[in-house]
């Protein structure tokens, strides 16, 4: 595999991870968990989404 293929694969993997994290965020926030637990887990997932979005922007910039 060349370097461009690796970058394209990482962009796809990060985008897929972000989609899963967004789905998990929606599932947690709409669940019947206690508010403290729900917002704690939701905050952790949100932090993962922010980091993933940053990594996606870096990977896309590098793949150009």
PDB file of N, CA and C in Angstrom:
ATOM      1  N   UNK A   1       0.837  -1.184   0.000  1.00  0.00           N
ATOM      2  CA  UNK A   1       0.000   0.000   0.000  1.00  0.00           C
ATOM      3  C   UNK A   1       0.878   1.241   0.000  1.00  0.00           C
ATOM      4  N   UNK A   2       0.447   2.203  -0.761  1.00  0.00           N
ATOM      5  CA  UNK A   2       1.206   3.436  -0.744  1.00  0.00           C
ATOM      6  C   UNK A   2       0.668   4.367   0.330  1.00  0.00           C
ATOM      7  N   UNK A   3       1.324   5.492   0.495  1.00  0.00           N
ATOM      8  CA  UNK A   3       0.985   6.423   1.565  1.00  0.00           C
ATOM      9  C   UNK A   3      -0.397   7.038   1.373  1.00  0.00           C
ATOM     10  N   UNK A   4      -0.779   7.301   0.114  1.00  0.00           N
ATOM     11  CA  UNK A   4      -2.104   7.880  -0.143  1.00  0.00           C
ATOM     12  C   UNK A   4      -3.214   6.918   0.225  1.00  0.00           C
ATOM     13  N   UNK A   5      -3.016   5.630  -0.019  1.00  0.00           N
ATOM     14  CA  UNK A   5      -4.019   4.639   0.347  1.00  0.00           C
ATOM     15  C   UNK A   5      -4.172   4.573   1.854  1.00  0.00           C
ATOM     16  N   UNK A   6      -3.071   4.627   2.581  1.00  0.00           N
ATOM     17  CA  UNK A   6      -3.134   4.615   4.043  1.00  0.00           C
ATOM     18  C   UNK A   6      -3.880   5.828   4.565  1.00  0.00           C
ATOM     19  N   UNK A   7      -3.634   6.989   3.976  1.00  0.00           N
ATOM     20  CA  UNK A   7      -4.340   8.203   4.411  1.00  0.00           C
ATOM     21  C   UNK A   7      -5.821   8.109   4.106  1.00  0.00           C
ATOM     22  N   UNK A   8      -6.165   7.599   2.925  1.00  0.00           N
ATOM     23  CA  UNK A   8      -7.578   7.449   2.570  1.00  0.00           C
ATOM     24  C   UNK A   8      -8.268   6.482   3.522  1.00  0.00           C
ATOM     25  N   UNK A   9      -7.604   5.392   3.851  1.00  0.00           N
ATOM     26  CA  UNK A   9      -8.177   4.435   4.796  1.00  0.00           C
ATOM     27  C   UNK A   9      -8.366   5.053   6.166  1.00  0.00           C
ATOM     28  N   UNK A  10      -7.422   5.867   6.611  1.00  0.00           N
ATOM     29  CA  UNK A  10      -7.562   6.481   7.931  1.00  0.00           C
ATOM     30  C   UNK A  10      -8.702   7.490   7.936  1.00  0.00           C
ATOM     31  N   UNK A  11      -8.907   8.210   6.834  1.00  0.00           N
ATOM     32  CA  UNK A  11     -10.032   9.143   6.746  1.00  0.00           C
ATOM     33  C   UNK A  11     -11.345   8.375   6.852  1.00  0.00           C
ATOM     34  N   UNK A  12     -11.439   7.263   6.154  1.00  0.00           N
ATOM     35  CA  UNK A  12     -12.663   6.452   6.187  1.00  0.00           C
ATOM     36  C   UNK A  12     -12.888   5.882   7.590  1.00  0.00           C
ATOM     37  N   UNK A  13     -11.846   5.385   8.216  1.00  0.00           N
ATOM     38  CA  UNK A  13     -11.991   4.812   9.560  1.00  0.00           C
ATOM     39  C   UNK A  13     -12.394   5.864  10.587  1.00  0.00           C
ATOM     40  N   UNK A  14     -11.792   7.040  10.511  1.00  0.00           N
ATOM     41  CA  UNK A  14     -12.142   8.105  11.455  1.00  0.00           C
ATOM     42  C   UNK A  14     -13.583   8.550  11.235  1.00  0.00           C
ATOM     43  N   UNK A  15     -13.992   8.683   9.976  1.00  0.00           N
ATOM     44  CA  UNK A  15     -15.370   9.080   9.686  1.00  0.00           C
ATOM     45  C   UNK A  15     -16.360   8.027  10.197  1.00  0.00           C
ATOM     46  N   UNK A  16     -16.031   6.752  10.041  1.00  0.00           N
ATOM     47  CA  UNK A  16     -16.894   5.687  10.542  1.00  0.00           C
ATOM     48  C   UNK A  16     -16.970   5.717  12.065  1.00  0.00           C
ATOM     49  N   UNK A  17     -15.844   5.959  12.704  1.00  0.00           N
ATOM     50  CA  UNK A  17     -15.830   6.063  14.167  1.00  0.00           C
ATOM     51  C   UNK A  17     -16.682   7.233  14.633  1.00  0.00           C
ATOM     52  N   UNK A  18     -16.606   8.356  13.943  1.00  0.00           N
ATOM     53  CA  UNK A  18     -17.433   9.509  14.307  1.00  0.00           C
ATOM     54  C   UNK A  18     -18.916   9.183  14.178  1.00  0.00           C
ATOM     55  N   UNK A  19     -19.293   8.464  13.139  1.00  0.00           N
ATOM     56  CA  UNK A  19     -20.697   8.081  12.972  1.00  0.00           C
ATOM     57  C   UNK A  19     -21.161   7.194  14.126  1.00  0.00           C
ATOM     58  N   UNK A  20     -20.327   6.263  14.538  1.00  0.00           N
ATOM     59  CA  UNK A  20     -20.667   5.391  15.664  1.00  0.00           C
ATOM     60  C   UNK A  20     -20.769   6.202  16.956  1.00  0.00           C
ATOM     61  N   UNK A  21     -19.849   7.130  17.163  1.00  0.00           N
ATOM     62  CA  UNK A  21     -19.886   7.953  18.373  1.00  0.00           C
ATOM     63  C   UNK A  21     -21.125   8.840  18.420  1.00  0.00           C
ATOM     64  N   UNK A  22     -21.516   9.395  17.288  1.00  0.00           N
ATOM     65  CA  UNK A  22     -22.730  10.214  17.256  1.00  0.00           C
ATOM     66  C   UNK A  22     -23.946   9.356  17.592  1.00  0.00           C
ATOM     67  N   UNK A  23     -24.008   8.156  17.049  1.00  0.00           N
ATOM     68  CA  UNK A  23     -25.106   7.253  17.376  1.00  0.00           C
ATOM     69  C   UNK A  23     -25.128   6.881  18.854  1.00  0.00           C
ATOM     70  N   UNK A  24     -23.957   6.652  19.420  1.00  0.00           N
ATOM     71  CA  UNK A  24     -23.867   6.336  20.849  1.00  0.00           C
ATOM     72  C   UNK A  24     -24.295   7.531  21.693  1.00  0.00           C
ATOM     73  N   UNK A  25     -23.923   8.718  21.265  1.00  0.00           N
ATOM     74  CA  UNK A  25     -24.309   9.938  21.997  1.00  0.00           C
ATOM     75  C   UNK A  25     -25.828  10.075  22.027  1.00  0.00           C
ATOM     76  N   UNK A  26     -26.460   9.875  20.897  1.00  0.00           N
ATOM     77  CA  UNK A  26     -27.923   9.965  20.833  1.00  0.00           C
ATOM     78  C   UNK A  26     -28.558   8.888  21.704  1.00  0.00           C
ATOM     79  N   UNK A  27     -28.027   7.682  21.648  1.00  0.00           N
ATOM     80  CA  UNK A  27     -28.584   6.588  22.445  1.00  0.00           C
ATOM     81  C   UNK A  27     -28.454   6.858  23.938  1.00  0.00           C
ATOM     82  N   UNK A  28     -27.327   7.393  24.361  1.00  0.00           N
ATOM     83  CA  UNK A  28     -27.119   7.661  25.787  1.00  0.00           C
ATOM     84  C   UNK A  28     -28.018   8.803  26.251  1.00  0.00           C
ATOM     85  N   UNK A  29     -28.072   9.875  25.479  1.00  0.00           N
ATOM     86  CA  UNK A  29     -28.842  11.035  25.910  1.00  0.00           C
ATOM     87  C   UNK A  29     -30.345  10.784  25.904  1.00  0.00           C
ATOM     88  N   UNK A  30     -30.820   9.852  25.093  1.00  0.00           N
ATOM     89  CA  UNK A  30     -32.253   9.548  25.068  1.00  0.00           C
ATOM     90  C   UNK A  30     -32.614   8.343  25.933  1.00  0.00           C
ATOM     91  N   UNK A  31     -31.644   7.808  26.669  1.00  0.00           N
ATOM     92  CA  UNK A  31     -31.904   6.624  27.487  1.00  0.00           C
ATOM     93  C   UNK A  31     -32.569   7.005  28.812  1.00  0.00           C
ATOM     94  N   UNK A  32     -32.910   5.994  29.573  1.00  0.00           N
ATOM     95  CA  UNK A  32     -33.558   6.186  30.871  1.00  0.00           C
ATOM     96  C   UNK A  32     -32.562   6.190  32.028  1.00  0.00           C
ATOM     97  N   UNK A  33     -31.291   6.368  31.729  1.00  0.00           N
ATOM     98  CA  UNK A  33     -30.283   6.407  32.792  1.00  0.00           C
ATOM     99  C   UNK A  33     -30.479   7.636  33.667  1.00  0.00           C
ATOM    100  N   UNK A  34     -29.918   7.582  34.860  1.00  0.00           N
ATOM    101  CA  UNK A  34     -29.934   8.727  35.762  1.00  0.00           C
ATOM    102  C   UNK A  34     -29.219   9.907  35.082  1.00  0.00           C
ATOM    103  N   UNK A  35     -29.653  11.115  35.369  1.00  0.00           N
ATOM    104  CA  UNK A  35     -29.090  12.298  34.706  1.00  0.00           C
ATOM    105  C   UNK A  35     -27.581  12.404  34.866  1.00  0.00           C
ATOM    106  N   UNK A  36     -27.056  12.152  36.046  1.00  0.00           N
ATOM    107  CA  UNK A  36     -25.614  12.255  36.265  1.00  0.00           C
ATOM    108  C   UNK A  36     -24.835  11.269  35.410  1.00  0.00           C
ATOM    109  N   UNK A  37     -25.327  10.043  35.354  1.00  0.00           N
ATOM    110  CA  UNK A  37     -24.672   9.014  34.542  1.00  0.00           C
ATOM    111  C   UNK A  37     -24.801   9.354  33.061  1.00  0.00           C
ATOM    112  N   UNK A  38     -25.987   9.748  32.670  1.00  0.00           N
ATOM    113  CA  UNK A  38     -26.239  10.057  31.260  1.00  0.00           C
ATOM    114  C   UNK A  38     -25.365  11.207  30.777  1.00  0.00           C
ATOM    115  N   UNK A  39     -25.286  12.267  31.550  1.00  0.00           N
ATOM    116  CA  UNK A  39     -24.471  13.409  31.131  1.00  0.00           C
ATOM    117  C   UNK A  39     -22.984  13.134  31.263  1.00  0.00           C
ATOM    118  N   UNK A  40     -22.592  12.303  32.222  1.00  0.00           N
ATOM    119  CA  UNK A  40     -21.181  11.930  32.342  1.00  0.00           C
ATOM    120  C   UNK A  40     -20.697  11.119  31.151  1.00  0.00           C
ATOM    121  N   UNK A  41     -21.474  10.095  30.804  1.00  0.00           N
ATOM    122  CA  UNK A  41     -21.120   9.273  29.641  1.00  0.00           C
ATOM    123  C   UNK A  41     -21.241  10.099  28.358  1.00  0.00           C
ATOM    124  N   UNK A  42     -22.284  10.915  28.281  1.00  0.00           N
ATOM    125  CA  UNK A  42     -22.473  11.773  27.112  1.00  0.00           C
ATOM    126  C   UNK A  42     -21.328  12.750  26.930  1.00  0.00           C
ATOM    127  N   UNK A  43     -20.818  13.281  28.041  1.00  0.00           N
ATOM    128  CA  UNK A  43     -19.675  14.190  27.966  1.00  0.00           C
ATOM    129  C   UNK A  43     -18.419  13.500  27.476  1.00  0.00           C
ATOM    130  N   UNK A  44     -18.211  12.273  27.931  1.00  0.00           N
ATOM    131  CA  UNK A  44     -17.042  11.511  27.475  1.00  0.00           C
ATOM    132  C   UNK A  44     -17.143  11.203  25.980  1.00  0.00           C
ATOM    133  N   UNK A  45     -18.336  10.840  25.546  1.00  0.00           N
ATOM    134  CA  UNK A  45     -18.529  10.563  24.116  1.00  0.00           C
ATOM    135  C   UNK A  45     -18.346  11.844  23.311  1.00  0.00           C
ATOM    136  N   UNK A  46     -18.861  12.956  23.815  1.00  0.00           N
ATOM    137  CA  UNK A  46     -18.705  14.236  23.128  1.00  0.00           C
ATOM    138  C   UNK A  46     -17.234  14.612  22.985  1.00  0.00           C
ATOM    139  N   UNK A  47     -16.448  14.360  24.016  1.00  0.00           N
ATOM    140  CA  UNK A  47     -15.006  14.614  23.923  1.00  0.00           C
ATOM    141  C   UNK A  47     -14.386  13.751  22.825  1.00  0.00           C
ATOM    142  N   UNK A  48     -14.825  12.503  22.720  1.00  0.00           N
ATOM    143  CA  UNK A  48     -14.342  11.632  21.647  1.00  0.00           C
ATOM    144  C   UNK A  48     -14.729  12.146  20.271  1.00  0.00           C
ATOM    145  N   UNK A  49     -15.926  12.723  20.159  1.00  0.00           N
ATOM    146  CA  UNK A  49     -16.366  13.283  18.883  1.00  0.00           C
ATOM    147  C   UNK A  49     -15.501  14.481  18.502  1.00  0.00           C
ATOM    148  N   UNK A  50     -15.207  15.330  19.464  1.00  0.00           N
ATOM    149  CA  UNK A  50     -14.367  16.506  19.185  1.00  0.00           C
ATOM    150  C   UNK A  50     -12.970  16.075  18.744  1.00  0.00           C
ATOM    151  N   UNK A  51     -12.385  15.130  19.453  1.00  0.00           N
ATOM    152  CA  UNK A  51     -11.051  14.637  19.081  1.00  0.00           C
ATOM    153  C   UNK A  51     -11.096  13.969  17.713  1.00  0.00           C
ATOM    154  N   UNK A  52     -12.132  13.185  17.451  1.00  0.00           N
ATOM    155  CA  UNK A  52     -12.271  12.532  16.155  1.00  0.00           C
ATOM    156  C   UNK A  52     -12.425  13.525  15.018  1.00  0.00           C
ATOM    157  N   UNK A  53     -13.191  14.593  15.244  1.00  0.00           N
ATOM    158  CA  UNK A  53     -13.349  15.618  14.212  1.00  0.00           C
ATOM    159  C   UNK A  53     -12.027  16.311  13.924  1.00  0.00           C
ATOM    160  N   UNK A  54     -11.251  16.561  14.969  1.00  0.00           N
ATOM    161  CA  UNK A  54      -9.929  17.169  14.780  1.00  0.00           C
ATOM    162  C   UNK A  54      -9.019  16.231  13.988  1.00  0.00           C
ATOM    163  N   UNK A  55      -9.013  14.961  14.352  1.00  0.00           N
ATOM    164  CA  UNK A  55      -8.180  13.987  13.643  1.00  0.00           C
ATOM    165  C   UNK A  55      -8.630  13.831  12.186  1.00  0.00           C
ATOM    166  N   UNK A  56      -9.930  13.872  11.956  1.00  0.00           N
ATOM    167  CA  UNK A  56     -10.439  13.782  10.589  1.00  0.00           C
ATOM    168  C   UNK A  56      -9.986  14.969   9.761  1.00  0.00           C
ATOM    169  N   UNK A  57     -10.030  16.159  10.343  1.00  0.00           N
ATOM    170  CA  UNK A  57      -9.574  17.330   9.591  1.00  0.00           C
ATOM    171  C   UNK A  57      -8.088  17.251   9.282  1.00  0.00           C
ATOM    172  N   UNK A  58      -7.312  16.742  10.226  1.00  0.00           N
ATOM    173  CA  UNK A  58      -5.870  16.570   9.973  1.00  0.00           C
ATOM    174  C   UNK A  58      -5.614  15.529   8.891  1.00  0.00           C
ATOM    175  N   UNK A  59      -6.340  14.431   8.929  1.00  0.00           N
ATOM    176  CA  UNK A  59      -6.149  13.363   7.934  1.00  0.00           C
ATOM    177  C   UNK A  59      -6.583  13.832   6.553  1.00  0.00           C
ATOM    178  N   UNK A  60      -7.669  14.572   6.483  1.00  0.00           N
ATOM    179  CA  UNK A  60      -8.120  15.080   5.180  1.00  0.00           C
ATOM    180  C   UNK A  60      -7.120  16.096   4.618  1.00  0.00           C
ATOM    181  N   UNK A  61      -6.594  16.951   5.496  1.00  0.00           N
ATOM    182  CA  UNK A  61      -5.612  17.940   5.045  1.00  0.00           C
ATOM    183  C   UNK A  61      -4.351  17.258   4.526  1.00  0.00           C
ATOM    184  N   UNK A  62      -3.944  16.191   5.198  1.00  0.00           N
ATOM    185  CA  UNK A  62      -2.730  15.467   4.805  1.00  0.00           C
ATOM    186  C   UNK A  62      -2.932  14.671   3.522  1.00  0.00           C
ATOM    187  N   UNK A  63      -4.184  14.290   3.220  1.00  0.00           N
ATOM    188  CA  UNK A  63      -4.430  13.460   2.039  1.00  0.00           C
ATOM    189  C   UNK A  63      -4.539  14.268   0.759  1.00  0.00           C
ATOM    190  N   UNK A  64      -4.493  15.570   0.860  1.00  0.00           N
ATOM    191  CA  UNK A  64      -4.601  16.410  -0.345  1.00  0.00           C
ATOM    192  C   UNK A  64      -3.310  16.482  -1.082  1.00  0.00           C
TER     193      UNK A  64
END
